[in-house]
Amino acid sequence: MHNIYTRMVSELARYFKQSGLDRAVIGVSGGIDSALTLKLAVDAIGADKVTAILMPEKGVSSEENLVHAKTLCEFLKVERHYIPLNKYLVDYLSLPWKPNDLAQINIKARIRMVILYNYANTKNALVLGTSNKTELFLGYGTKYGDLAADIEVIGNLFKEDVYKLAEHVGLPDEFITKTPSAELYAGQTDEKDLGMTYKEIDATLRQFDRGITKEDIINKGINPNLVFKISRLIELNRHKINPPYIIPID
């Protein structure tokens, strides 16, 4: 893990230098992905150049995650802003149509990203994404929401590798042991949403990442239902990762 850590910090520092910008902003939720991204950013460009924005939804986001996020920001000595989402969500309920549950869930991620980019534009900063390779592979996230960023810092780490690197860099146990959740609604967990554990998902995705076919993965003994479900998710959500389709005129 040490070599991976050194490479990531070096590449992140290089990217900032190449971009001509030296400030970063990141949405910190209290989860392991944003915690690790924050730590890597601090190590790459310095705590004085990193700003964390905490954007919980009161009544949905857990108090525990908020406390963990605040404590980590204090420990790493980064500037932080606390901006609850609730008042921004209210206006969407007065649209001429009644937003369905999916629309209301996705708008939370998009409002958070609008706030991050508002800060980035104001302070001449880059927005750091917090999506890991497992989420990006599956398209598990909100298009133009948490999947939008200037840099995906941990985008080449599978979820299991995120835990390993978090332990290597010394993140507190509470980040490593808690159940992963995007807190999209009360009681939501990532693995419940996906219907699979991250351990099962990563074991299959590592095979896909090597270019191994579905049939060969199944022949290796991985549950066929799992393989087909993951393959289907990848295909269905590919549009979230790819650039928008541009109509050809030639």
Protein backbone atom coordinates (compact mmCIF):
# COMPACT_ATOMS: atom_id res chain seq x y z
CA MET A 1 0.00 0.00 0.00
CA HIS A 2 2.89 2.38 0.64
CA ASN A 3 3.86 2.50 -3.05
CA ILE A 4 0.23 3.16 -4.06
CA TYR A 5 -0.04 5.93 -1.46
CA THR A 6 3.19 7.58 -2.61
CA ARG A 7 2.17 7.42 -6.27
CA MET A 8 -1.30 8.86 -5.62
CA VAL A 9 -0.03 11.76 -3.54
CA SER A 10 2.67 12.51 -6.11
CA GLU A 11 0.23 12.38 -9.04
CA LEU A 12 -2.28 14.59 -7.26
CA ALA A 13 0.39 17.18 -6.48
CA ARG A 14 1.58 17.04 -10.09
CA TYR A 15 -1.95 17.51 -11.42
CA PHE A 16 -2.45 20.64 -9.34
CA LYS A 17 0.87 22.07 -10.45
CA GLN A 18 0.07 21.34 -14.09
CA SER A 19 -3.40 22.90 -13.81
CA GLY A 20 -2.04 26.17 -12.47
CA LEU A 21 -4.40 25.96 -9.50
CA ASP A 22 -3.36 25.25 -5.94
CA ARG A 23 -6.64 25.01 -4.02
CA ALA A 24 -9.01 22.06 -3.57
CA VAL A 25 -12.56 21.74 -2.31
CA ILE A 26 -14.22 18.48 -1.29
CA GLY A 27 -17.58 17.41 0.07
CA VAL A 28 -16.92 15.51 3.28
CA SER A 29 -19.70 13.22 4.48
CA GLY A 30 -18.15 11.28 7.33
CA GLY A 31 -17.76 8.19 5.13
CA ILE A 32 -14.54 6.42 4.26
CA ASP A 33 -14.29 7.57 0.62
CA SER A 34 -14.41 11.30 1.33
CA ALA A 35 -12.22 10.84 4.42
CA LEU A 36 -9.48 9.13 2.42
CA THR A 37 -9.76 11.68 -0.39
CA LEU A 38 -9.41 14.51 2.12
CA LYS A 39 -6.33 12.91 3.68
CA LEU A 40 -4.66 12.39 0.30
CA ALA A 41 -5.39 16.00 -0.71
CA VAL A 42 -3.87 17.35 2.49
CA ASP A 43 -0.76 15.22 2.00
CA ALA A 44 -0.46 16.32 -1.63
CA ILE A 45 -0.96 20.10 -1.46
CA GLY A 46 -1.11 21.01 2.23
CA ALA A 47 -3.96 21.54 4.69
CA ASP A 48 -3.99 25.30 4.12
CA LYS A 49 -4.96 24.73 0.47
CA VAL A 50 -7.86 22.34 1.14
CA THR A 51 -11.44 23.24 2.06
CA ALA A 52 -14.03 20.73 3.23
CA ILE A 53 -17.75 21.38 2.87
CA LEU A 54 -20.13 19.39 5.07
CA MET A 55 -23.59 19.20 3.49
CA PRO A 56 -25.85 16.94 5.58
CA GLU A 57 -29.59 16.69 5.20
CA LYS A 58 -31.07 17.21 8.66
CA GLY A 59 -33.36 14.35 9.57
CA VAL A 60 -31.64 11.94 7.17
CA SER A 61 -27.87 12.27 7.59
CA SER A 62 -26.65 10.67 10.80
CA GLU A 63 -25.28 12.77 13.64
CA GLU A 64 -22.45 10.23 13.95
CA ASN A 65 -21.24 10.90 10.41
CA LEU A 66 -21.40 14.66 10.99
CA VAL A 67 -19.32 14.35 14.16
CA HIS A 68 -16.79 12.13 12.38
CA ALA A 69 -16.53 14.60 9.47
CA LYS A 70 -16.03 17.60 11.77
CA THR A 71 -13.49 15.76 13.90
CA LEU A 72 -11.46 14.68 10.88
CA CYS A 73 -11.41 18.22 9.49
CA GLU A 74 -10.19 19.54 12.83
CA PHE A 75 -7.53 16.82 13.08
CA LEU A 76 -6.24 17.52 9.56
CA LYS A 77 -6.47 21.27 10.19
CA VAL A 78 -8.48 22.09 7.06
CA GLU A 79 -10.95 24.92 6.62
CA ARG A 80 -14.52 23.64 6.75
CA HIS A 81 -18.00 24.98 6.04
CA TYR A 82 -21.24 23.51 7.36
CA ILE A 83 -24.13 23.87 4.90
CA PRO A 84 -27.28 21.79 5.58
CA LEU A 85 -29.20 20.92 2.41
CA ASN A 86 -32.77 21.18 3.70
CA LYS A 87 -33.59 24.74 2.69
CA TYR A 88 -32.26 24.17 -0.83
CA LEU A 89 -34.47 21.10 -1.26
CA VAL A 90 -37.73 22.83 -0.35
CA ASP A 91 -38.05 24.86 -3.54
CA TYR A 92 -37.97 21.76 -5.72
CA LEU A 93 -41.21 20.58 -4.15
CA SER A 94 -42.99 23.62 -5.65
CA LEU A 95 -42.14 22.70 -9.27
CA PRO A 96 -45.14 22.49 -11.67
CA TRP A 97 -44.79 18.69 -11.54
CA LYS A 98 -44.47 16.56 -8.42
CA PRO A 99 -40.92 15.16 -8.30
CA ASN A 100 -40.84 11.41 -7.71
CA ASP A 101 -38.63 9.75 -5.09
CA LEU A 102 -35.76 9.16 -7.52
CA ALA A 103 -35.77 12.79 -8.62
CA GLN A 104 -35.71 13.98 -5.00
CA ILE A 105 -32.86 11.61 -4.13
CA ASN A 106 -30.75 12.64 -7.12
CA ILE A 107 -31.30 16.35 -6.59
CA LYS A 108 -29.49 16.09 -3.25
CA ALA A 109 -26.28 14.94 -4.93
CA ARG A 110 -26.65 17.61 -7.62
CA ILE A 111 -27.23 20.42 -5.13
CA ARG A 112 -24.12 19.34 -3.26
CA MET A 113 -22.09 19.47 -6.46
CA VAL A 114 -23.50 22.91 -7.38
CA ILE A 115 -22.37 24.18 -3.96
CA LEU A 116 -18.90 22.69 -4.45
CA TYR A 117 -18.52 24.25 -7.88
CA ASN A 118 -19.83 27.57 -6.60
CA TYR A 119 -17.00 27.55 -4.07
CA ALA A 120 -14.51 26.34 -6.68
CA ASN A 121 -15.39 29.16 -9.09
CA THR A 122 -15.27 31.73 -6.30
CA LYS A 123 -11.95 30.59 -4.85
CA ASN A 124 -10.29 29.34 -8.04
CA ALA A 125 -10.18 25.78 -6.75
CA LEU A 126 -10.55 22.27 -8.16
CA VAL A 127 -13.38 20.01 -7.04
CA LEU A 128 -12.14 16.64 -5.79
CA GLY A 129 -14.41 13.68 -6.47
CA THR A 130 -14.81 10.89 -3.94
CA SER A 131 -15.99 8.00 -6.14
CA ASN A 132 -14.01 4.77 -5.94
CA LYS A 133 -13.37 2.36 -8.82
CA THR A 134 -16.18 0.02 -7.74
CA GLU A 135 -18.74 2.85 -7.91
CA LEU A 136 -17.40 4.16 -11.20
CA PHE A 137 -17.39 0.68 -12.74
CA LEU A 138 -21.04 0.16 -11.78
CA GLY A 139 -22.14 3.76 -12.38
CA TYR A 140 -23.29 3.75 -8.76
CA GLY A 141 -23.84 7.44 -8.23
CA THR A 142 -25.74 10.43 -9.54
CA LYS A 143 -24.98 11.78 -12.98
CA TYR A 144 -23.85 15.43 -12.66
CA GLY A 145 -24.01 14.90 -8.91
CA ASP A 146 -21.42 12.95 -6.95
CA LEU A 147 -20.07 11.54 -10.24
CA ALA A 148 -19.09 15.07 -11.35
CA ALA A 149 -15.64 16.36 -10.36
CA ASP A 150 -12.41 17.81 -11.70
CA ILE A 151 -10.35 14.92 -10.33
CA GLU A 152 -11.41 11.46 -9.15
CA VAL A 153 -8.71 10.99 -6.56
CA ILE A 154 -9.54 7.40 -5.55
CA GLY A 155 -11.11 6.41 -8.88
CA ASN A 156 -8.56 3.63 -9.41
CA LEU A 157 -9.12 2.00 -6.03
CA PHE A 158 -11.71 -0.74 -5.63
CA LYS A 159 -13.75 -0.38 -2.44
CA GLU A 160 -11.74 -3.08 -0.68
CA ASP A 161 -8.53 -1.20 -1.60
CA VAL A 162 -10.00 2.01 -0.18
CA TYR A 163 -10.25 0.28 3.20
CA LYS A 164 -6.67 -1.00 2.95
CA LEU A 165 -5.25 2.41 2.05
CA ALA A 166 -7.36 4.13 4.72
CA GLU A 167 -5.85 1.81 7.29
CA HIS A 168 -2.35 2.40 5.87
CA VAL A 169 -2.62 6.19 6.17
CA GLY A 170 -3.98 5.93 9.70
CA LEU A 171 -7.59 6.97 9.34
CA PRO A 172 -9.52 6.32 12.58
CA ASP A 173 -11.27 2.96 12.98
CA GLU A 174 -14.72 4.56 12.94
CA PHE A 175 -14.32 5.30 9.24
CA ILE A 176 -13.13 1.78 8.47
CA THR A 177 -15.73 -0.16 10.46
CA LYS A 178 -18.93 1.76 9.69
CA THR A 179 -21.48 0.50 7.16
CA PRO A 180 -21.11 2.34 3.81
CA SER A 181 -24.05 4.63 3.08
CA ALA A 182 -24.67 7.59 0.80
CA GLU A 183 -27.46 8.57 3.24
CA LEU A 184 -29.87 9.17 0.38
CA TYR A 185 -32.76 8.34 2.70
CA ALA A 186 -33.21 7.13 6.26
CA GLY A 187 -31.75 3.65 6.76
CA GLN A 188 -30.14 3.50 3.31
CA THR A 189 -26.96 1.46 2.87
CA ASP A 190 -24.93 0.95 -0.30
CA GLU A 191 -24.88 -2.83 -0.13
CA LYS A 192 -28.62 -3.00 0.51
CA ASP A 193 -29.22 -0.81 -2.55
CA LEU A 194 -26.93 -2.91 -4.70
CA GLY A 195 -28.21 -6.22 -3.37
CA MET A 196 -24.64 -7.46 -3.05
CA THR A 197 -21.70 -7.01 -0.71
CA TYR A 198 -18.68 -4.98 -1.80
CA LYS A 199 -16.57 -8.10 -1.30
CA GLU A 200 -18.71 -9.98 -3.84
CA ILE A 201 -18.79 -7.03 -6.24
CA ASP A 202 -15.04 -6.38 -6.15
CA ALA A 203 -14.19 -10.05 -6.68
CA THR A 204 -16.21 -9.96 -9.90
CA LEU A 205 -15.15 -6.50 -11.05
CA ARG A 206 -11.47 -7.38 -10.74
CA GLN A 207 -12.12 -10.10 -13.32
CA PHE A 208 -13.95 -7.72 -15.67
CA ASP A 209 -11.11 -5.23 -15.20
CA ARG A 210 -8.67 -7.81 -16.56
CA GLY A 211 -10.80 -8.24 -19.67
CA ILE A 212 -12.12 -11.66 -18.70
CA THR A 213 -15.47 -12.57 -20.26
CA LYS A 214 -18.64 -13.31 -18.31
CA GLU A 215 -18.47 -16.97 -19.31
CA ASP A 216 -14.88 -17.37 -18.12
CA ILE A 217 -15.65 -15.59 -14.85
CA ILE A 218 -18.52 -18.01 -14.23
CA ASN A 219 -16.24 -20.94 -15.09
CA LYS A 220 -13.93 -19.74 -12.30
CA GLY A 221 -16.73 -20.50 -9.83
CA ILE A 222 -18.28 -17.05 -9.29
CA ASN A 223 -22.07 -17.09 -8.91
CA PRO A 224 -23.62 -16.66 -12.41
CA ASN A 225 -26.48 -14.53 -11.06
CA LEU A 226 -23.94 -12.18 -9.51
CA VAL A 227 -21.91 -11.96 -12.71
CA PHE A 228 -24.94 -11.21 -14.88
CA LYS A 229 -26.33 -8.68 -12.39
CA ILE A 230 -23.05 -6.78 -12.26
CA SER A 231 -22.65 -6.94 -16.04
CA ARG A 232 -26.17 -5.55 -16.44
CA LEU A 233 -25.46 -2.68 -14.05
CA ILE A 234 -22.30 -1.78 -15.96
CA GLU A 235 -24.20 -1.63 -19.26
CA LEU A 236 -27.22 0.23 -17.87
CA ASN A 237 -25.13 2.90 -16.16
CA ARG A 238 -22.37 3.36 -18.72
CA HIS A 239 -23.95 6.67 -19.78
CA LYS A 240 -23.20 8.11 -16.33
CA ILE A 241 -19.47 7.80 -16.90
CA ASN A 242 -19.19 8.44 -20.63
CA PRO A 243 -19.41 11.98 -22.09
CA PRO A 244 -22.83 12.95 -23.51
CA TYR A 245 -23.53 11.59 -26.97
CA ILE A 246 -22.96 14.19 -29.67
CA ILE A 247 -25.10 13.92 -32.80
CA PRO A 248 -22.80 13.45 -35.84
CA ILE A 249 -23.39 15.67 -38.88
CA ASP A 250 -20.65 14.45 -41.21
